[in-house]
Protein backbone atom coordinates (compact mmCIF):
# COMPACT_ATOMS: atom_id res chain seq x y z
CA MET A 1 -6.90 9.95 -13.17
CA PHE A 2 -5.95 12.18 -16.04
CA SER A 3 -2.44 12.36 -17.33
CA GLU A 4 -0.68 15.07 -19.27
CA LYS A 5 -1.29 12.97 -22.39
CA ASP A 6 -5.05 13.46 -21.91
CA LEU A 7 -4.68 17.24 -22.24
CA VAL A 8 -3.03 17.11 -25.67
CA THR A 9 -5.03 16.86 -28.88
CA ARG A 10 -4.05 13.58 -30.48
CA GLU A 11 -4.52 12.19 -33.94
CA LEU A 12 -7.36 9.72 -34.39
CA GLY A 13 -4.98 7.10 -35.78
CA ASP A 14 -2.73 7.42 -32.72
CA MET A 15 -5.70 6.92 -30.44
CA GLN A 16 -6.86 3.87 -32.39
CA GLN A 17 -3.35 2.42 -32.22
CA GLU A 18 -3.31 3.03 -28.46
CA VAL A 19 -6.58 1.11 -28.09
CA LYS A 20 -5.16 -1.74 -30.15
CA ASN A 21 -1.96 -1.83 -28.07
CA LEU A 22 -3.80 -1.68 -24.75
CA LEU A 23 -6.10 -4.53 -25.74
CA ALA A 24 -3.13 -6.62 -26.91
CA GLU A 25 -1.29 -5.99 -23.63
CA SER A 26 -4.43 -6.83 -21.68
CA GLU A 27 -4.84 -10.13 -23.54
CA HIS A 28 -1.17 -10.98 -23.03
CA LEU A 29 -1.44 -10.33 -19.29
CA ARG A 30 -4.62 -12.40 -19.07
CA LYS A 31 -2.90 -15.35 -20.74
CA GLU A 32 0.09 -14.99 -18.40
CA CYS A 33 -2.33 -14.96 -15.48
CA GLU A 34 -3.96 -18.18 -16.69
CA THR A 35 -0.54 -19.80 -17.02
CA ALA A 36 0.37 -18.67 -13.50
CA ILE A 37 -2.86 -20.13 -12.13
CA GLU A 38 -2.20 -23.47 -13.81
CA LYS A 39 1.39 -23.53 -12.51
CA GLU A 40 0.15 -22.59 -9.04
CA ALA A 41 -2.26 -25.52 -8.97
CA GLU A 42 0.49 -27.85 -10.17
CA LEU A 43 2.88 -26.65 -7.47
CA ARG A 44 0.23 -27.08 -4.78
CA ARG A 45 -0.37 -30.68 -5.90
CA GLU A 46 3.37 -31.35 -5.87
CA SER A 47 3.61 -29.80 -2.41
CA ILE A 48 0.85 -32.02 -1.07
CA ASP A 49 2.46 -35.10 -2.60
CA ALA A 50 5.91 -34.19 -1.23
CA ARG A 51 4.77 -33.31 2.31
CA PRO A 52 5.04 -36.83 3.82
CA GLU A 53 8.52 -37.46 2.43
CA ASN A 54 10.11 -34.01 2.34
CA PRO A 55 8.34 -31.29 4.36
CA GLU A 56 10.96 -28.66 3.49
CA LEU A 57 10.50 -29.18 -0.25
CA ALA A 58 6.73 -29.18 0.25
CA GLU A 59 6.90 -25.85 2.08
CA MET A 60 9.15 -24.36 -0.60
CA LEU A 61 6.73 -25.49 -3.35
CA TRP A 62 3.77 -24.10 -1.39
CA GLN A 63 5.49 -20.72 -0.98
CA GLU A 64 6.31 -20.63 -4.68
CA ALA A 65 2.63 -21.34 -5.39
CA GLU A 66 1.68 -18.46 -3.08
CA ASN A 67 4.03 -16.15 -4.96
CA LEU A 68 2.51 -17.23 -8.28
CA HIS A 69 -0.95 -16.62 -6.86
CA SER A 70 0.03 -13.08 -5.89
CA ASP A 71 1.71 -12.45 -9.26
CA GLY A 72 -1.34 -13.84 -11.07
CA ARG A 73 -3.65 -11.48 -9.21
CA ASP A 74 -1.41 -8.54 -10.12
CA MET A 75 -1.37 -9.57 -13.78
CA LEU A 76 -5.16 -9.92 -13.80
CA ARG A 77 -5.55 -6.49 -12.17
CA LEU A 78 -3.25 -4.92 -14.76
CA SER A 79 -5.10 -6.71 -17.55
CA VAL A 80 -8.42 -5.28 -16.39
CA GLU A 81 -6.91 -1.80 -15.96
CA LYS A 82 -5.54 -1.85 -19.51
CA ARG A 83 -8.90 -3.04 -20.87
CA LEU A 84 -10.67 -0.22 -19.01
CA CYS A 85 -8.15 2.31 -20.29
CA ALA A 86 -8.70 1.03 -23.84
CA ALA A 87 -12.46 1.40 -23.39
CA GLU A 88 -11.97 4.96 -22.17
CA VAL A 89 -9.83 5.89 -25.18
CA GLN A 90 -12.35 4.18 -27.50
CA HIS A 91 -15.12 6.22 -25.88
CA ARG A 92 -13.16 9.41 -26.64
CA ILE A 93 -12.73 8.24 -30.24
CA ASN A 94 -16.48 7.65 -30.52
CA ILE A 95 -17.31 11.07 -29.09
CA ARG A 96 -14.81 12.75 -31.40
CA THR A 97 -16.26 10.91 -34.40
CA GLN A 98 -19.78 11.99 -33.43
CA ILE A 99 -18.70 15.61 -33.02
CA GLU A 100 -16.92 15.57 -36.37
CA SER A 101 -19.99 14.08 -38.05
CA LEU A 102 -22.15 16.82 -36.51
CA ASP A 103 -19.74 19.48 -37.76
CA ASN A 104 -19.89 17.93 -41.21
CA TYR A 105 -23.70 17.76 -41.00
CA ASP A 106 -23.94 21.50 -40.31
CA GLU A 107 -21.73 22.30 -43.29
CA ILE A 108 -23.74 20.04 -45.61
CA TRP A 109 -26.98 21.61 -44.37
CA ARG A 110 -25.69 25.13 -45.07
CA LYS A 111 -24.59 24.14 -48.57
CA SER A 112 -27.95 22.57 -49.34
CA MET A 113 -29.73 25.69 -48.08
CA ARG A 114 -27.66 27.84 -50.47
CA THR A 115 -28.24 25.59 -53.46
CA GLY A 116 -31.98 25.46 -52.76
CA ARG A 117 -32.29 29.24 -53.10
CA THR A 118 -30.78 29.50 -56.57
């Protein structure tokens, strides 16, 4: 959805910085997700190994792995959302750049028309 920030004219540099920040946050969350997935797999292996000797520890490890799985999914979802938001802002930058180049084109065309008549 749109936010109040979308209704305000922003500087091109601010928008480019926002894209950069969103992509960096997305990458950071993706790496955290990968770490969580690796830790989850490790905890599940430990749980399986501990089950015959200590079922309570095994259950605790399994639950911790479940929590990491849930957290990892949330991080991945946020990572994708930030990447999509960055793409949306970049799209606005591209449109703005195209509009500005068209405005500049019209001005150049008018100037060349005037110089051609003299």
